[in-house]
Amino acid sequence: MGIVFMIFSLLLFVSMPAGSFKAEHILDDPKSEIIDVVGGPEDVIWVVQLSDLHFSVHNPERAQDFKELIGPALSLVNPSLVLLTGDLTDGKSKDMLVMKQDETEWVEYQNTLKHVVEESGLNKNIFYDLRGNHDSFGMPAVGFPSDFYSRYSVNAQLGRSGLVNALTLQNGARKVLFLGLDTASKVELRGPTNLFGHPTDSLLAEIDSKLSQWDTKSSEPVTKIAFGHFPLSFSAASESGITLKDIFLNHSLSAYLCGHLHTKFGKNLKRHHYSTDSILFSPKIQNNNVLKENCSSSPVKEFWEWEMGDWRKSKVMRILAVDRGHVSFLDIDFQLGARKTIVFPTFPLDSRFMSNECSQDLSSYMTIRALVFSVFPIESVTVRIHDLSSGNLHIVLEESMTNSASDSSSTGNLYMAPWNFKAFEDPSPNRFWLQIEVIDINGESTLTELRPFSINGLSSKFSWTWKEFLVMGCQWDALYYPMLWSFYFVILSVLIIPKVFLMFSKRQYSFKNFKGEKTFLNGIIWILSEMYEVPFVWSSTLSYLFYLILFPWIYGRVFSDEKTRGYMTYKGWVLKSDNDIRNITFVGSPDIIVVVLPHLLLMVLPSILVSIGLAAERTAYREYVHSQSGKKADDNRNGSSNGFVGSRWIRKLLVLAYAAICWKHFKRCRALVKAYEMNPLIHFPIYSFFVPILLAHVIYKTMKIS
């Protein structure tokens, strides 16, 4: 997931139907480029994004499908840029547990891209490929033998370097600034503790400078788009606490394009970011009129974050268009094969993913527009607008669209239809729905999906699933320590406070008392106090919790090229043991969240709950046995009862839970053994064996009923 784009070190002249490129240096920075895009529709620019290719020696079909589908698709779409936003290779073993670089995958990537470039007819210079976290697993630093990105990527072959690179496309009076950024950590660990982007203060300062390069020429319209690999939810703050979001909000960014998460978490991984100190509802929304030129003297600071699906399984390609300053995207699914016709409505915008901009040129509202890419000549293009106000869709406008270009044989034609846009101003952003139908010379019809639009600048609300919220709505680097210390506060409170309370309480909190006075407090204190009847479990659990804070968890190999081991604590990896503890540097934080929190929340916490439950169940069952036998407890002191007799279904469920916990723990330990080349008996014995031994001891101690 992530390396950044870099600057056109050399831009060749390219001749293409929808636009040839002319490079011209700007400002005093030789790395900044401005490209005039000519030959296509005026004031319309489109680019292609692909992400998370994951070319793998174990899954050769990924590269083969890429060759067969993307070359012809790029030839059809003919973009001004092709952005490959990270995870170009997989870097995983067949069992998905060992994560390090494989040169064979990089050779395959290089050959595949060469084939795609030739097949598409595009110039290689318009391809920009970023490094992702999979492209740098186990790489101590740039230049090491395992740094295959620096040898086989398109950027490396073209001599592009740097962590922040700016490129400006110009078509007509408008400039579109594309900013690529590499926020990968300086030290790239093996997975799974290699998950986050780590922008530094110097990197953020450079991003800030690049985004402001056109600000002095305020009379010229500029659209700013950034792209990287890591979503903002998986991008850590810098050393001084500044985030990428802070920088983006200060520069009127339109969109940030990224990958990393794949569609397995959902297809709605989009987020509209607002400044925390801005008014969420600007005057344009309150007045319900976005078309006033002076709609707001202090516009809301905002931008969209658009994560895109992966090529690995979902076979997704994205087209991003900037049409007279209006930014939109279309994701195309190739799982069912190649597309002969692609229809991309560029205005009006989808109200689900539009920004609340109020400075657009009124002339851009006068027509409905769509880009049409087809291998066949087009017979007709028709736009239909449906009204949903009655609860059912019914057509309120049907209009033929005409090609804006005189040469209708070229790809990338912009079709337009005039309309009275003011007739579609409405307080609801979901009332009117747009659909475009294209019929080619063979009579084949291509329909776009129905999508809502709003002329007022009002955005539709869209909801996340719980998985989408977890990966896009949570800032995980900020949540790591609060979640960690909250866990410790709760668990230590459960272990210590009841014990202290019972030491000073004159009242007995037993199962008999609970049966006599069934209150919530009595029940909770009785259940928690039962754990103290198994002293080894209580003291061991308390000791283990402090061990996890004070000592290393595991001791493994974190790089592909070196045999030097590091050790992991809850703060991160310590790669060198230094005599001066003040000089210890922790890396891989908050990436180690994928080891720390699952162990605490899915292993330690359930183990404690199962232990308490088994202890409480033993007492309850003992009372049941005594009540059934009619004997006093003293009479039965030397007797025993099989812990699995009768209808002890609660105990059976708890033992089943014990088995599930141990199985899950075994799988996680096995994954760590493979990932960091460790021996559980030598390199992490306490982590490996505490949970199973604890639960086994509890089960043994609670089998006898006295």
Foldseek 3Di string as FASTA:
>chain_A
DWFWFFAQPDDDWADAQAFTWDWDDDDPDNREIEIETDNHDFQKAKEKEAEQLAQEPLCPVSLVQCLVAQLVVCLLAVHQAYEYFENLHQQADPVRQAGAADVVSLVSSLVSVVSSCVSSVDDLSRYTYTYDLSQCFFPQAPPPPRNCCCPRPSCNVSPTDDFKGWYWYDGHQEIEIEIIGGQFDRGRWHPPLRQAGEHAPVRLVVVLCSLCPCVVVVVGHYAYEYEIAHAQLRYAAYPVRHGPVVSQLVRLHAEYEYERPACVLHQPLKDKDWDPPFDPQAQLLVVLALADQPSDPDDTRIYMYDYHHHSHPFNKMKMWMQRQNWIDMDIDTQPVHYDQKDKAWRPPHFLQRGALDRNGDPVSNFKGKIWMGHPFQWDWKKKWKWFCVVVDTDTPDIFTWDWPDPDRPHHGTMTIDGDDVVVQRDSDQAGMWMKMWIAGPVRDIDIDDIGTGHPSSHHDDDDHDPSSCVRRVHNVLVVLVVVVVVLVVVVVCLLPVLVVVVVPDPDDLEPVVCVVPVDPVSVSSHLSVLLVVVVVLSVLLVVVVVCLQPHFAFWFATHDPDRQIWTAGCQATFRDDDPPPVPTDHPSPPSCSVVPVCCSPVASVLLVVLLSQLSNLLRVVLVVVCVVVVDDPVVCVPPWDFQPDDPSVSNVVSVVVLVVSLVVLVVVVVSVCSHGVDDCVPTHVCSNPVRNVSNVVSCVVSRTRD
